[in-house]
């Protein structure tokens, strides 16, 4: 793992934090919020793995 991959992981974590923060502003219940957060995490994981495979 090189220095740029760590940067991508940090960036993805930051974006996920922003997405979770935006979802909390809708005042959804915890179950829905966790489900949406896991969906976003899956999307970012899939995109990251796809980019890694293509390289």
PDB file of N, CA and C in Angstrom:
ATOM      1  N   UNK A   1       0.854  -1.167   0.000  1.00  0.00           N
ATOM      2  CA  UNK A   1       0.000   0.000   0.000  1.00  0.00           C
ATOM      3  C   UNK A   1       0.905   1.237   0.000  1.00  0.00           C
ATOM      4  N   UNK A   2       0.718   2.100  -0.983  1.00  0.00           N
ATOM      5  CA  UNK A   2       1.553   3.286  -1.051  1.00  0.00           C
ATOM      6  C   UNK A   2       0.878   4.475  -0.371  1.00  0.00           C
ATOM      7  N   UNK A   3       1.537   5.622  -0.415  1.00  0.00           N
ATOM      8  CA  UNK A   3       1.018   6.793   0.294  1.00  0.00           C
ATOM      9  C   UNK A   3      -0.290   7.296  -0.282  1.00  0.00           C
ATOM     10  N   UNK A   4      -0.542   7.096  -1.560  1.00  0.00           N
ATOM     11  CA  UNK A   4      -1.760   7.613  -2.181  1.00  0.00           C
ATOM     12  C   UNK A   4      -2.977   6.761  -1.825  1.00  0.00           C
ATOM     13  N   UNK A   5      -2.781   5.484  -1.594  1.00  0.00           N
ATOM     14  CA  UNK A   5      -3.904   4.644  -1.177  1.00  0.00           C
ATOM     15  C   UNK A   5      -4.387   5.033   0.213  1.00  0.00           C
ATOM     16  N   UNK A   6      -3.483   5.387   1.106  1.00  0.00           N
ATOM     17  CA  UNK A   6      -3.879   5.856   2.438  1.00  0.00           C
ATOM     18  C   UNK A   6      -4.681   7.143   2.329  1.00  0.00           C
ATOM     19  N   UNK A   7      -4.283   7.996   1.387  1.00  0.00           N
ATOM     20  CA  UNK A   7      -5.009   9.245   1.181  1.00  0.00           C
ATOM     21  C   UNK A   7      -6.427   8.971   0.699  1.00  0.00           C
ATOM     22  N   UNK A   8      -6.594   7.988  -0.171  1.00  0.00           N
ATOM     23  CA  UNK A   8      -7.923   7.617  -0.647  1.00  0.00           C
ATOM     24  C   UNK A   8      -8.787   7.075   0.486  1.00  0.00           C
ATOM     25  N   UNK A   9      -8.197   6.287   1.363  1.00  0.00           N
ATOM     26  CA  UNK A   9      -8.944   5.731   2.498  1.00  0.00           C
ATOM     27  C   UNK A   9      -9.384   6.853   3.432  1.00  0.00           C
ATOM     28  N   UNK A  10      -8.481   7.797   3.706  1.00  0.00           N
ATOM     29  CA  UNK A  10      -8.831   8.924   4.568  1.00  0.00           C
ATOM     30  C   UNK A  10      -9.917   9.776   3.921  1.00  0.00           C
ATOM     31  N   UNK A  11      -9.808  10.008   2.610  1.00  0.00           N
ATOM     32  CA  UNK A  11     -10.819  10.788   1.892  1.00  0.00           C
ATOM     33  C   UNK A  11     -12.175  10.097   1.955  1.00  0.00           C
ATOM     34  N   UNK A  12     -12.198   8.783   1.706  1.00  0.00           N
ATOM     35  CA  UNK A  12     -13.458   8.043   1.746  1.00  0.00           C
ATOM     36  C   UNK A  12     -14.081   8.091   3.138  1.00  0.00           C
ATOM     37  N   UNK A  13     -13.264   7.975   4.169  1.00  0.00           N
ATOM     38  CA  UNK A  13     -13.792   8.055   5.539  1.00  0.00           C
ATOM     39  C   UNK A  13     -14.372   9.437   5.809  1.00  0.00           C
ATOM     40  N   UNK A  14     -13.707  10.475   5.336  1.00  0.00           N
ATOM     41  CA  UNK A  14     -14.224  11.829   5.512  1.00  0.00           C
ATOM     42  C   UNK A  14     -15.551  12.040   4.808  1.00  0.00           C
ATOM     43  N   UNK A  15     -15.664  11.514   3.601  1.00  0.00           N
ATOM     44  CA  UNK A  15     -16.918  11.641   2.858  1.00  0.00           C
ATOM     45  C   UNK A  15     -18.028  10.879   3.564  1.00  0.00           C
ATOM     46  N   UNK A  16     -17.719   9.702   4.085  1.00  0.00           N
ATOM     47  CA  UNK A  16     -18.723   8.933   4.823  1.00  0.00           C
ATOM     48  C   UNK A  16     -19.181   9.679   6.068  1.00  0.00           C
ATOM     49  N   UNK A  17     -18.257  10.335   6.749  1.00  0.00           N
ATOM     50  CA  UNK A  17     -18.626  11.114   7.934  1.00  0.00           C
ATOM     51  C   UNK A  17     -19.564  12.253   7.547  1.00  0.00           C
ATOM     52  N   UNK A  18     -19.260  12.904   6.422  1.00  0.00           N
ATOM     53  CA  UNK A  18     -20.148  13.977   5.954  1.00  0.00           C
ATOM     54  C   UNK A  18     -21.528  13.440   5.578  1.00  0.00           C
ATOM     55  N   UNK A  19     -21.568  12.276   4.934  1.00  0.00           N
ATOM     56  CA  UNK A  19     -22.854  11.695   4.552  1.00  0.00           C
ATOM     57  C   UNK A  19     -23.671  11.322   5.787  1.00  0.00           C
ATOM     58  N   UNK A  20     -23.013  10.747   6.787  1.00  0.00           N
ATOM     59  CA  UNK A  20     -23.721  10.386   8.018  1.00  0.00           C
ATOM     60  C   UNK A  20     -24.200  11.648   8.732  1.00  0.00           C
ATOM     61  N   UNK A  21     -23.386  12.686   8.718  1.00  0.00           N
ATOM     62  CA  UNK A  21     -23.796  13.950   9.325  1.00  0.00           C
ATOM     63  C   UNK A  21     -25.010  14.545   8.632  1.00  0.00           C
ATOM     64  N   UNK A  22     -25.041  14.436   7.315  1.00  0.00           N
ATOM     65  CA  UNK A  22     -26.194  14.950   6.572  1.00  0.00           C
ATOM     66  C   UNK A  22     -27.443  14.128   6.882  1.00  0.00           C
ATOM     67  N   UNK A  23     -27.279  12.822   7.016  1.00  0.00           N
ATOM     68  CA  UNK A  23     -28.434  11.982   7.335  1.00  0.00           C
ATOM     69  C   UNK A  23     -28.973  12.271   8.733  1.00  0.00           C
ATOM     70  N   UNK A  24     -28.100  12.615   9.664  1.00  0.00           N
ATOM     71  CA  UNK A  24     -28.590  12.906  11.011  1.00  0.00           C
ATOM     72  C   UNK A  24     -29.408  14.193  11.047  1.00  0.00           C
ATOM     73  N   UNK A  25     -29.189  15.068  10.090  1.00  0.00           N
ATOM     74  CA  UNK A  25     -29.974  16.305  10.067  1.00  0.00           C
ATOM     75  C   UNK A  25     -31.436  16.052   9.716  1.00  0.00           C
ATOM     76  N   UNK A  26     -31.722  14.890   9.110  1.00  0.00           N
ATOM     77  CA  UNK A  26     -33.108  14.534   8.791  1.00  0.00           C
ATOM     78  C   UNK A  26     -33.833  13.935   9.990  1.00  0.00           C
ATOM     79  N   UNK A  27     -33.111  13.697  11.076  1.00  0.00           N
ATOM     80  CA  UNK A  27     -33.672  13.142  12.317  1.00  0.00           C
ATOM     81  C   UNK A  27     -34.389  11.813  12.085  1.00  0.00           C
ATOM     82  N   UNK A  28     -33.711  10.934  11.333  1.00  0.00           N
ATOM     83  CA  UNK A  28     -34.239   9.595  11.112  1.00  0.00           C
ATOM     84  C   UNK A  28     -33.980   8.748  12.358  1.00  0.00           C
ATOM     85  N   UNK A  29     -34.678   7.631  12.463  1.00  0.00           N
ATOM     86  CA  UNK A  29     -34.404   6.768  13.601  1.00  0.00           C
ATOM     87  C   UNK A  29     -33.055   6.064  13.385  1.00  0.00           C
ATOM     88  N   UNK A  30     -32.523   5.465  14.444  1.00  0.00           N
ATOM     89  CA  UNK A  30     -31.189   4.875  14.391  1.00  0.00           C
ATOM     90  C   UNK A  30     -31.102   3.740  13.385  1.00  0.00           C
ATOM     91  N   UNK A  31     -32.128   2.933  13.289  1.00  0.00           N
ATOM     92  CA  UNK A  31     -32.080   1.789  12.386  1.00  0.00           C
ATOM     93  C   UNK A  31     -31.958   2.235  10.931  1.00  0.00           C
ATOM     94  N   UNK A  32     -32.732   3.218  10.550  1.00  0.00           N
ATOM     95  CA  UNK A  32     -32.669   3.734   9.185  1.00  0.00           C
ATOM     96  C   UNK A  32     -31.328   4.411   8.923  1.00  0.00           C
ATOM     97  N   UNK A  33     -30.843   5.164   9.891  1.00  0.00           N
ATOM     98  CA  UNK A  33     -29.562   5.849   9.726  1.00  0.00           C
ATOM     99  C   UNK A  33     -28.416   4.856   9.549  1.00  0.00           C
ATOM    100  N   UNK A  34     -28.406   3.806  10.359  1.00  0.00           N
ATOM    101  CA  UNK A  34     -27.351   2.801  10.244  1.00  0.00           C
ATOM    102  C   UNK A  34     -27.448   2.073   8.914  1.00  0.00           C
ATOM    103  N   UNK A  35     -28.650   1.785   8.471  1.00  0.00           N
ATOM    104  CA  UNK A  35     -28.832   1.108   7.182  1.00  0.00           C
ATOM    105  C   UNK A  35     -28.302   1.976   6.053  1.00  0.00           C
ATOM    106  N   UNK A  36     -28.635   3.265   6.055  1.00  0.00           N
ATOM    107  CA  UNK A  36     -28.143   4.167   5.018  1.00  0.00           C
ATOM    108  C   UNK A  36     -26.618   4.301   5.074  1.00  0.00           C
ATOM    109  N   UNK A  37     -26.062   4.363   6.279  1.00  0.00           N
ATOM    110  CA  UNK A  37     -24.610   4.463   6.423  1.00  0.00           C
ATOM    111  C   UNK A  37     -23.927   3.221   5.862  1.00  0.00           C
ATOM    112  N   UNK A  38     -24.488   2.045   6.120  1.00  0.00           N
ATOM    113  CA  UNK A  38     -23.909   0.818   5.581  1.00  0.00           C
ATOM    114  C   UNK A  38     -24.033   0.758   4.056  1.00  0.00           C
ATOM    115  N   UNK A  39     -25.134   1.274   3.521  1.00  0.00           N
ATOM    116  CA  UNK A  39     -25.288   1.323   2.068  1.00  0.00           C
ATOM    117  C   UNK A  39     -24.220   2.231   1.465  1.00  0.00           C
ATOM    118  N   UNK A  40     -24.001   3.406   2.061  1.00  0.00           N
ATOM    119  CA  UNK A  40     -22.962   4.315   1.566  1.00  0.00           C
ATOM    120  C   UNK A  40     -21.583   3.679   1.684  1.00  0.00           C
ATOM    121  N   UNK A  41     -21.316   3.012   2.778  1.00  0.00           N
ATOM    122  CA  UNK A  41     -20.015   2.346   2.948  1.00  0.00           C
ATOM    123  C   UNK A  41     -19.820   1.280   1.877  1.00  0.00           C
ATOM    124  N   UNK A  42     -20.876   0.532   1.567  1.00  0.00           N
ATOM    125  CA  UNK A  42     -20.796  -0.473   0.513  1.00  0.00           C
ATOM    126  C   UNK A  42     -20.537   0.135  -0.849  1.00  0.00           C
ATOM    127  N   UNK A  43     -21.169   1.268  -1.126  1.00  0.00           N
ATOM    128  CA  UNK A  43     -20.948   1.943  -2.411  1.00  0.00           C
ATOM    129  C   UNK A  43     -19.489   2.382  -2.534  1.00  0.00           C
ATOM    130  N   UNK A  44     -18.967   3.023  -1.488  1.00  0.00           N
ATOM    131  CA  UNK A  44     -17.581   3.478  -1.549  1.00  0.00           C
ATOM    132  C   UNK A  44     -16.605   2.309  -1.591  1.00  0.00           C
ATOM    133  N   UNK A  45     -16.908   1.231  -0.897  1.00  0.00           N
ATOM    134  CA  UNK A  45     -16.051   0.056  -0.944  1.00  0.00           C
ATOM    135  C   UNK A  45     -16.044  -0.545  -2.344  1.00  0.00           C
ATOM    136  N   UNK A  46     -17.210  -0.643  -2.971  1.00  0.00           N
ATOM    137  CA  UNK A  46     -17.298  -1.192  -4.319  1.00  0.00           C
ATOM    138  C   UNK A  46     -16.534  -0.338  -5.322  1.00  0.00           C
ATOM    139  N   UNK A  47     -16.669   0.969  -5.227  1.00  0.00           N
ATOM    140  CA  UNK A  47     -15.957   1.868  -6.148  1.00  0.00           C
ATOM    141  C   UNK A  47     -14.449   1.774  -5.932  1.00  0.00           C
ATOM    142  N   UNK A  48     -14.028   1.735  -4.677  1.00  0.00           N
ATOM    143  CA  UNK A  48     -12.603   1.627  -4.376  1.00  0.00           C
ATOM    144  C   UNK A  48     -12.031   0.307  -4.887  1.00  0.00           C
ATOM    145  N   UNK A  49     -12.740  -0.786  -4.679  1.00  0.00           N
ATOM    146  CA  UNK A  49     -12.265  -2.073  -5.177  1.00  0.00           C
ATOM    147  C   UNK A  49     -12.240  -2.110  -6.699  1.00  0.00           C
ATOM    148  N   UNK A  50     -13.234  -1.513  -7.342  1.00  0.00           N
ATOM    149  CA  UNK A  50     -13.257  -1.465  -8.797  1.00  0.00           C
ATOM    150  C   UNK A  50     -12.059  -0.697  -9.341  1.00  0.00           C
ATOM    151  N   UNK A  51     -11.778   0.449  -8.739  1.00  0.00           N
ATOM    152  CA  UNK A  51     -10.632   1.247  -9.182  1.00  0.00           C
ATOM    153  C   UNK A  51      -9.333   0.483  -8.953  1.00  0.00           C
ATOM    154  N   UNK A  52      -9.239  -0.223  -7.848  1.00  0.00           N
ATOM    155  CA  UNK A  52      -8.037  -1.004  -7.549  1.00  0.00           C
ATOM    156  C   UNK A  52      -7.862  -2.146  -8.547  1.00  0.00           C
ATOM    157  N   UNK A  53      -8.947  -2.779  -8.944  1.00  0.00           N
ATOM    158  CA  UNK A  53      -8.872  -3.883  -9.904  1.00  0.00           C
ATOM    159  C   UNK A  53      -8.484  -3.374 -11.286  1.00  0.00           C
ATOM    160  N   UNK A  54      -9.020  -2.234 -11.684  1.00  0.00           N
ATOM    161  CA  UNK A  54      -8.726  -1.685 -13.006  1.00  0.00           C
ATOM    162  C   UNK A  54      -7.261  -1.289 -13.129  1.00  0.00           C
ATOM    163  N   UNK A  55      -6.690  -0.786 -12.057  1.00  0.00           N
ATOM    164  CA  UNK A  55      -5.269  -0.415 -12.094  1.00  0.00           C
ATOM    165  C   UNK A  55      -4.480  -1.666 -12.206  1.00  0.00           C
TER     166      UNK A  55
END
